[in-house]
Amino acid sequence: GTDVGVTGSLARVWKSRNTLPPRHWNLV
């Protein structure tokens, strides 16, 4: 989350939902 500019809790939500919004792909 820190690396891609979101909270750790949001990163955990993405992980549990197996999702990654395209607007964050370049930074990922």
PDB file of all heavy atoms in Angstrom:
ATOM      1  N   GLY A   1       0.810  -1.214   0.000  1.00  0.00           N
ATOM      2  CA  GLY A   1       0.000   0.000   0.000  1.00  0.00           C
ATOM      3  C   GLY A   1       0.839   1.257   0.000  1.00  0.00           C
ATOM      4  O   GLY A   1       0.574   2.199  -0.753  1.00  0.00           O
ATOM      5  N   THR A   2       1.866   1.284   0.835  1.00  0.00           N
ATOM      6  CA  THR A   2       2.761   2.442   0.881  1.00  0.00           C
ATOM      7  C   THR A   2       3.407   2.676  -0.473  1.00  0.00           C
ATOM      8  O   THR A   2       3.462   3.815  -0.956  1.00  0.00           O
ATOM      9  CB  THR A   2       3.834   2.237   1.965  1.00  0.00           C
ATOM     10  OG1 THR A   2       3.185   2.126   3.237  1.00  0.00           O
ATOM     11  CG2 THR A   2       4.823   3.387   1.984  1.00  0.00           C
ATOM     12  N   ASP A   3       3.860   1.594  -1.105  1.00  0.00           N
ATOM     13  CA  ASP A   3       4.511   1.726  -2.410  1.00  0.00           C
ATOM     14  C   ASP A   3       3.569   2.282  -3.475  1.00  0.00           C
ATOM     15  O   ASP A   3       3.992   3.054  -4.333  1.00  0.00           O
ATOM     16  CB  ASP A   3       5.067   0.383  -2.882  1.00  0.00           C
ATOM     17  CG  ASP A   3       6.427   0.058  -2.306  1.00  0.00           C
ATOM     18  OD1 ASP A   3       6.959   0.850  -1.504  1.00  0.00           O
ATOM     19  OD2 ASP A   3       6.967  -1.016  -2.659  1.00  0.00           O
ATOM     20  N   VAL A   4       2.321   1.871  -3.449  1.00  0.00           N
ATOM     21  CA  VAL A   4       1.407   2.293  -4.524  1.00  0.00           C
ATOM     22  C   VAL A   4       0.487   3.437  -4.111  1.00  0.00           C
ATOM     23  O   VAL A   4      -0.384   3.840  -4.878  1.00  0.00           O
ATOM     24  CB  VAL A   4       0.594   1.113  -5.098  1.00  0.00           C
ATOM     25  CG1 VAL A   4       1.517   0.055  -5.657  1.00  0.00           C
ATOM     26  CG2 VAL A   4      -0.353   0.517  -4.075  1.00  0.00           C
ATOM     27  N   GLY A   5       0.695   3.984  -2.910  1.00  0.00           N
ATOM     28  CA  GLY A   5      -0.022   5.188  -2.511  1.00  0.00           C
ATOM     29  C   GLY A   5      -1.428   4.971  -1.974  1.00  0.00           C
ATOM     30  O   GLY A   5      -2.283   5.848  -2.108  1.00  0.00           O
ATOM     31  N   VAL A   6      -1.652   3.807  -1.360  1.00  0.00           N
ATOM     32  CA  VAL A   6      -2.954   3.551  -0.725  1.00  0.00           C
ATOM     33  C   VAL A   6      -2.697   3.058   0.696  1.00  0.00           C
ATOM     34  O   VAL A   6      -1.579   2.728   1.059  1.00  0.00           O
ATOM     35  CB  VAL A   6      -3.799   2.519  -1.514  1.00  0.00           C
ATOM     36  CG1 VAL A   6      -4.067   3.018  -2.929  1.00  0.00           C
ATOM     37  CG2 VAL A   6      -3.145   1.149  -1.540  1.00  0.00           C
ATOM     38  N   THR A   7      -3.754   2.989   1.476  1.00  0.00           N
ATOM     39  CA  THR A   7      -3.606   2.505   2.845  1.00  0.00           C
ATOM     40  C   THR A   7      -3.373   0.998   2.861  1.00  0.00           C
ATOM     41  O   THR A   7      -3.746   0.289   1.919  1.00  0.00           O
ATOM     42  CB  THR A   7      -4.869   2.806   3.673  1.00  0.00           C
ATOM     43  OG1 THR A   7      -5.972   2.082   3.113  1.00  0.00           O
ATOM     44  CG2 THR A   7      -5.170   4.306   3.709  1.00  0.00           C
ATOM     45  N   GLY A   8      -2.788   0.533   3.932  1.00  0.00           N
ATOM     46  CA  GLY A   8      -2.599  -0.902   4.099  1.00  0.00           C
ATOM     47  C   GLY A   8      -3.921  -1.640   4.139  1.00  0.00           C
ATOM     48  O   GLY A   8      -4.038  -2.753   3.623  1.00  0.00           O
ATOM     49  N   SER A   9      -4.942  -1.009   4.736  1.00  0.00           N
ATOM     50  CA  SER A   9      -6.248  -1.679   4.799  1.00  0.00           C
ATOM     51  C   SER A   9      -6.858  -1.821   3.406  1.00  0.00           C
ATOM     52  O   SER A   9      -7.468  -2.854   3.102  1.00  0.00           O
ATOM     53  CB  SER A   9      -7.202  -0.952   5.748  1.00  0.00           C
ATOM     54  OG  SER A   9      -7.441   0.369   5.324  1.00  0.00           O
ATOM     55  N   LEU A  10      -6.683  -0.831   2.555  1.00  0.00           N
ATOM     56  CA  LEU A  10      -7.190  -0.955   1.183  1.00  0.00           C
ATOM     57  C   LEU A  10      -6.412  -2.025   0.424  1.00  0.00           C
ATOM     58  O   LEU A  10      -6.994  -2.823  -0.318  1.00  0.00           O
ATOM     59  CB  LEU A  10      -7.124   0.382   0.441  1.00  0.00           C
ATOM     60  CG  LEU A  10      -7.656   0.384  -0.988  1.00  0.00           C
ATOM     61  CD1 LEU A  10      -9.097  -0.126  -1.047  1.00  0.00           C
ATOM     62  CD2 LEU A  10      -7.548   1.763  -1.601  1.00  0.00           C
ATOM     63  N   ALA A  11      -5.115  -2.078   0.645  1.00  0.00           N
ATOM     64  CA  ALA A  11      -4.300  -3.120   0.009  1.00  0.00           C
ATOM     65  C   ALA A  11      -4.764  -4.508   0.448  1.00  0.00           C
ATOM     66  O   ALA A  11      -4.832  -5.439  -0.365  1.00  0.00           O
ATOM     67  CB  ALA A  11      -2.822  -2.918   0.345  1.00  0.00           C
ATOM     68  N   ARG A  12      -5.120  -4.661   1.710  1.00  0.00           N
ATOM     69  CA  ARG A  12      -5.632  -5.949   2.203  1.00  0.00           C
ATOM     70  C   ARG A  12      -6.981  -6.286   1.563  1.00  0.00           C
ATOM     71  O   ARG A  12      -7.246  -7.451   1.263  1.00  0.00           O
ATOM     72  CB  ARG A  12      -5.724  -5.950   3.729  1.00  0.00           C
ATOM     73  CG  ARG A  12      -4.358  -6.075   4.390  1.00  0.00           C
ATOM     74  CD  ARG A  12      -4.457  -6.231   5.900  1.00  0.00           C
ATOM     75  NE  ARG A  12      -4.897  -5.013   6.578  1.00  0.00           N
ATOM     76  CZ  ARG A  12      -4.112  -3.976   6.844  1.00  0.00           C
ATOM     77  NH1 ARG A  12      -2.836  -3.994   6.510  1.00  0.00           N
ATOM     78  NH2 ARG A  12      -4.592  -2.923   7.470  1.00  0.00           N
ATOM     79  N   VAL A  13      -7.815  -5.290   1.340  1.00  0.00           N
ATOM     80  CA  VAL A  13      -9.096  -5.514   0.658  1.00  0.00           C
ATOM     81  C   VAL A  13      -8.837  -6.000  -0.766  1.00  0.00           C
ATOM     82  O   VAL A  13      -9.451  -6.963  -1.228  1.00  0.00           O
ATOM     83  CB  VAL A  13      -9.970  -4.238   0.664  1.00  0.00           C
ATOM     84  CG1 VAL A  13     -11.153  -4.370  -0.284  1.00  0.00           C
ATOM     85  CG2 VAL A  13     -10.444  -3.931   2.075  1.00  0.00           C
ATOM     86  N   TRP A  14      -7.944  -5.326  -1.479  1.00  0.00           N
ATOM     87  CA  TRP A  14      -7.609  -5.747  -2.846  1.00  0.00           C
ATOM     88  C   TRP A  14      -7.106  -7.178  -2.850  1.00  0.00           C
ATOM     89  O   TRP A  14      -7.484  -7.975  -3.708  1.00  0.00           O
ATOM     90  CB  TRP A  14      -6.558  -4.840  -3.451  1.00  0.00           C
ATOM     91  CG  TRP A  14      -7.015  -3.450  -3.761  1.00  0.00           C
ATOM     92  CD1 TRP A  14      -8.285  -2.963  -3.715  1.00  0.00           C
ATOM     93  CD2 TRP A  14      -6.185  -2.367  -4.163  1.00  0.00           C
ATOM     94  NE1 TRP A  14      -8.294  -1.639  -4.064  1.00  0.00           N
ATOM     95  CE2 TRP A  14      -7.015  -1.243  -4.353  1.00  0.00           C
ATOM     96  CE3 TRP A  14      -4.826  -2.224  -4.375  1.00  0.00           C
ATOM     97  CZ2 TRP A  14      -6.526  -0.016  -4.750  1.00  0.00           C
ATOM     98  CZ3 TRP A  14      -4.331  -1.002  -4.772  1.00  0.00           C
ATOM     99  CH2 TRP A  14      -5.176   0.099  -4.963  1.00  0.00           C
ATOM    100  N   LYS A  15      -6.254  -7.503  -1.888  1.00  0.00           N
ATOM    101  CA  LYS A  15      -5.700  -8.857  -1.806  1.00  0.00           C
ATOM    102  C   LYS A  15      -6.818  -9.865  -1.577  1.00  0.00           C
ATOM    103  O   LYS A  15      -6.878 -10.889  -2.253  1.00  0.00           O
ATOM    104  CB  LYS A  15      -4.663  -8.917  -0.690  1.00  0.00           C
ATOM    105  CG  LYS A  15      -4.015 -10.260  -0.532  1.00  0.00           C
ATOM    106  CD  LYS A  15      -2.990 -10.227   0.590  1.00  0.00           C
ATOM    107  CE  LYS A  15      -2.463 -11.606   0.901  1.00  0.00           C
ATOM    108  NZ  LYS A  15      -1.542 -11.581   2.038  1.00  0.00           N
ATOM    109  N   SER A  16      -7.700  -9.593  -0.639  1.00  0.00           N
ATOM    110  CA  SER A  16      -8.765 -10.547  -0.330  1.00  0.00           C
ATOM    111  C   SER A  16      -9.764 -10.671  -1.474  1.00  0.00           C
ATOM    112  O   SER A  16     -10.339 -11.740  -1.688  1.00  0.00           O
ATOM    113  CB  SER A  16      -9.490 -10.172   0.963  1.00  0.00           C
ATOM    114  OG  SER A  16     -10.258  -9.002   0.790  1.00  0.00           O
ATOM    115  N   ARG A  17      -9.946  -9.610  -2.240  1.00  0.00           N
ATOM    116  CA  ARG A  17     -10.869  -9.634  -3.388  1.00  0.00           C
ATOM    117  C   ARG A  17     -10.177 -10.020  -4.690  1.00  0.00           C
ATOM    118  O   ARG A  17     -10.834 -10.120  -5.730  1.00  0.00           O
ATOM    119  CB  ARG A  17     -11.531  -8.266  -3.555  1.00  0.00           C
ATOM    120  CG  ARG A  17     -12.459  -7.922  -2.421  1.00  0.00           C
ATOM    121  CD  ARG A  17     -13.142  -6.607  -2.667  1.00  0.00           C
ATOM    122  NE  ARG A  17     -14.012  -6.281  -1.543  1.00  0.00           N
ATOM    123  CZ  ARG A  17     -14.574  -5.107  -1.366  1.00  0.00           C
ATOM    124  NH1 ARG A  17     -14.376  -4.128  -2.248  1.00  0.00           N
ATOM    125  NH2 ARG A  17     -15.338  -4.880  -0.330  1.00  0.00           N
ATOM    126  N   ASN A  18      -8.862 -10.202  -4.610  1.00  0.00           N
ATOM    127  CA  ASN A  18      -8.072 -10.544  -5.788  1.00  0.00           C
ATOM    128  C   ASN A  18      -8.313  -9.546  -6.921  1.00  0.00           C
ATOM    129  O   ASN A  18      -8.651  -9.905  -8.047  1.00  0.00           O
ATOM    130  CB  ASN A  18      -8.361 -11.974  -6.249  1.00  0.00           C
ATOM    131  CG  ASN A  18      -7.378 -12.452  -7.291  1.00  0.00           C
ATOM    132  OD1 ASN A  18      -6.222 -12.060  -7.288  1.00  0.00           O
ATOM    133  ND2 ASN A  18      -7.834 -13.288  -8.196  1.00  0.00           N
ATOM    134  N   THR A  19      -8.120  -8.287  -6.583  1.00  0.00           N
ATOM    135  CA  THR A  19      -8.335  -7.220  -7.558  1.00  0.00           C
ATOM    136  C   THR A  19      -7.204  -6.204  -7.465  1.00  0.00           C
ATOM    137  O   THR A  19      -6.518  -6.113  -6.449  1.00  0.00           O
ATOM    138  CB  THR A  19      -9.699  -6.538  -7.330  1.00  0.00           C
ATOM    139  OG1 THR A  19      -9.984  -5.685  -8.431  1.00  0.00           O
ATOM    140  CG2 THR A  19      -9.743  -5.737  -6.045  1.00  0.00           C
ATOM    141  N   LEU A  20      -7.027  -5.474  -8.535  1.00  0.00           N
ATOM    142  CA  LEU A  20      -6.022  -4.419  -8.577  1.00  0.00           C
ATOM    143  C   LEU A  20      -6.488  -3.399  -9.611  1.00  0.00           C
ATOM    144  O   LEU A  20      -6.428  -3.659 -10.810  1.00  0.00           O
ATOM    145  CB  LEU A  20      -4.664  -5.006  -8.959  1.00  0.00           C
ATOM    146  CG  LEU A  20      -3.432  -4.132  -8.810  1.00  0.00           C
ATOM    147  CD1 LEU A  20      -3.302  -3.573  -7.409  1.00  0.00           C
ATOM    148  CD2 LEU A  20      -2.206  -4.924  -9.162  1.00  0.00           C
ATOM    149  N   PRO A  21      -6.999  -2.251  -9.174  1.00  0.00           N
ATOM    150  CA  PRO A  21      -7.525  -1.267 -10.103  1.00  0.00           C
ATOM    151  C   PRO A  21      -6.487  -0.823 -11.137  1.00  0.00           C
ATOM    152  O   PRO A  21      -5.342  -0.519 -10.782  1.00  0.00           O
ATOM    153  CB  PRO A  21      -7.934  -0.096  -9.203  1.00  0.00           C
ATOM    154  CG  PRO A  21      -8.187  -0.732  -7.867  1.00  0.00           C
ATOM    155  CD  PRO A  21      -7.167  -1.832  -7.770  1.00  0.00           C
ATOM    156  N   PRO A  22      -6.881  -0.789 -12.409  1.00  0.00           N
ATOM    157  CA  PRO A  22      -5.940  -0.432 -13.485  1.00  0.00           C
ATOM    158  C   PRO A  22      -5.245   0.908 -13.297  1.00  0.00           C
ATOM    159  O   PRO A  22      -4.109   1.073 -13.735  1.00  0.00           O
ATOM    160  CB  PRO A  22      -6.814  -0.431 -14.735  1.00  0.00           C
ATOM    161  CG  PRO A  22      -7.919  -1.388 -14.423  1.00  0.00           C
ATOM    162  CD  PRO A  22      -8.179  -1.208 -12.944  1.00  0.00           C
ATOM    163  N   ARG A  23      -5.875   1.861 -12.634  1.00  0.00           N
ATOM    164  CA  ARG A  23      -5.232   3.172 -12.463  1.00  0.00           C
ATOM    165  C   ARG A  23      -3.956   3.077 -11.624  1.00  0.00           C
ATOM    166  O   ARG A  23      -3.143   3.998 -11.621  1.00  0.00           O
ATOM    167  CB  ARG A  23      -6.214   4.185 -11.884  1.00  0.00           C
ATOM    168  CG  ARG A  23      -6.616   3.935 -10.458  1.00  0.00           C
ATOM    169  CD  ARG A  23      -7.600   5.000  -9.968  1.00  0.00           C
ATOM    170  NE  ARG A  23      -8.094   4.723  -8.659  1.00  0.00           N
ATOM    171  CZ  ARG A  23      -9.153   3.984  -8.384  1.00  0.00           C
ATOM    172  NH1 ARG A  23      -9.853   3.442  -9.343  1.00  0.00           N
ATOM    173  NH2 ARG A  23      -9.535   3.782  -7.132  1.00  0.00           N
ATOM    174  N   HIS A  24      -3.755   1.956 -10.928  1.00  0.00           N
ATOM    175  CA  HIS A  24      -2.561   1.766 -10.093  1.00  0.00           C
ATOM    176  C   HIS A  24      -1.508   0.880 -10.750  1.00  0.00           C
ATOM    177  O   HIS A  24      -0.427   0.694 -10.197  1.00  0.00           O
ATOM    178  CB  HIS A  24      -2.956   1.164  -8.744  1.00  0.00           C
ATOM    179  CG  HIS A  24      -3.822   2.056  -7.931  1.00  0.00           C
ATOM    180  ND1 HIS A  24      -3.318   3.104  -7.177  1.00  0.00           N
ATOM    181  CD2 HIS A  24      -5.167   2.093  -7.765  1.00  0.00           C
ATOM    182  CE1 HIS A  24      -4.322   3.733  -6.587  1.00  0.00           C
ATOM    183  NE2 HIS A  24      -5.444   3.131  -6.925  1.00  0.00           N
ATOM    184  N   TRP A  25      -1.809   0.318 -11.906  1.00  0.00           N
ATOM    185  CA  TRP A  25      -0.915  -0.649 -12.536  1.00  0.00           C
ATOM    186  C   TRP A  25       0.489  -0.109 -12.786  1.00  0.00           C
ATOM    187  O   TRP A  25       1.467  -0.791 -12.505  1.00  0.00           O
ATOM    188  CB  TRP A  25      -1.497  -1.155 -13.847  1.00  0.00           C
ATOM    189  CG  TRP A  25      -2.644  -2.094 -13.682  1.00  0.00           C
ATOM    190  CD1 TRP A  25      -3.276  -2.466 -12.518  1.00  0.00           C
ATOM    191  CD2 TRP A  25      -3.327  -2.777 -14.726  1.00  0.00           C
ATOM    192  NE1 TRP A  25      -4.296  -3.340 -12.788  1.00  0.00           N
ATOM    193  CE2 TRP A  25      -4.353  -3.548 -14.139  1.00  0.00           C
ATOM    194  CE3 TRP A  25      -3.168  -2.808 -16.103  1.00  0.00           C
ATOM    195  CZ2 TRP A  25      -5.203  -4.349 -14.889  1.00  0.00           C
ATOM    196  CZ3 TRP A  25      -4.025  -3.599 -16.843  1.00  0.00           C
ATOM    197  CH2 TRP A  25      -5.029  -4.367 -16.244  1.00  0.00           C
ATOM    198  N   ASN A  26       0.596   1.085 -13.340  1.00  0.00           N
ATOM    199  CA  ASN A  26       1.934   1.625 -13.654  1.00  0.00           C
ATOM    200  C   ASN A  26       2.810   1.707 -12.408  1.00  0.00           C
ATOM    201  O   ASN A  26       3.991   1.343 -12.445  1.00  0.00           O
ATOM    202  CB  ASN A  26       1.837   3.000 -14.322  1.00  0.00           C
ATOM    203  CG  ASN A  26       1.384   2.912 -15.754  1.00  0.00           C
ATOM    204  OD1 ASN A  26       1.715   1.975 -16.465  1.00  0.00           O
ATOM    205  ND2 ASN A  26       0.616   3.893 -16.185  1.00  0.00           N
ATOM    206  N   LEU A  27       2.237   2.173 -11.320  1.00  0.00           N
ATOM    207  CA  LEU A  27       3.008   2.289 -10.078  1.00  0.00           C
ATOM    208  C   LEU A  27       3.325   0.912  -9.494  1.00  0.00           C
ATOM    209  O   LEU A  27       4.422   0.700  -8.972  1.00  0.00           O
ATOM    210  CB  LEU A  27       2.240   3.143  -9.069  1.00  0.00           C
ATOM    211  CG  LEU A  27       3.042   3.791  -7.951  1.00  0.00           C
ATOM    212  CD1 LEU A  27       4.268   4.537  -8.473  1.00  0.00           C
ATOM    213  CD2 LEU A  27       2.164   4.720  -7.149  1.00  0.00           C
ATOM    214  N   VAL A  28       2.399  -0.032  -9.604  1.00  0.00           N
ATOM    215  CA  VAL A  28       2.656  -1.393  -9.135  1.00  0.00           C
ATOM    216  C   VAL A  28       3.839  -1.988  -9.892  1.00  0.00           C
ATOM    217  O   VAL A  28       4.742  -2.584  -9.294  1.00  0.00           O
ATOM    218  CB  VAL A  28       1.398  -2.287  -9.289  1.00  0.00           C
ATOM    219  CG1 VAL A  28       1.731  -3.748  -9.059  1.00  0.00           C
ATOM    220  CG2 VAL A  28       0.302  -1.835  -8.333  1.00  0.00           C
TER     221      VAL A  28
END
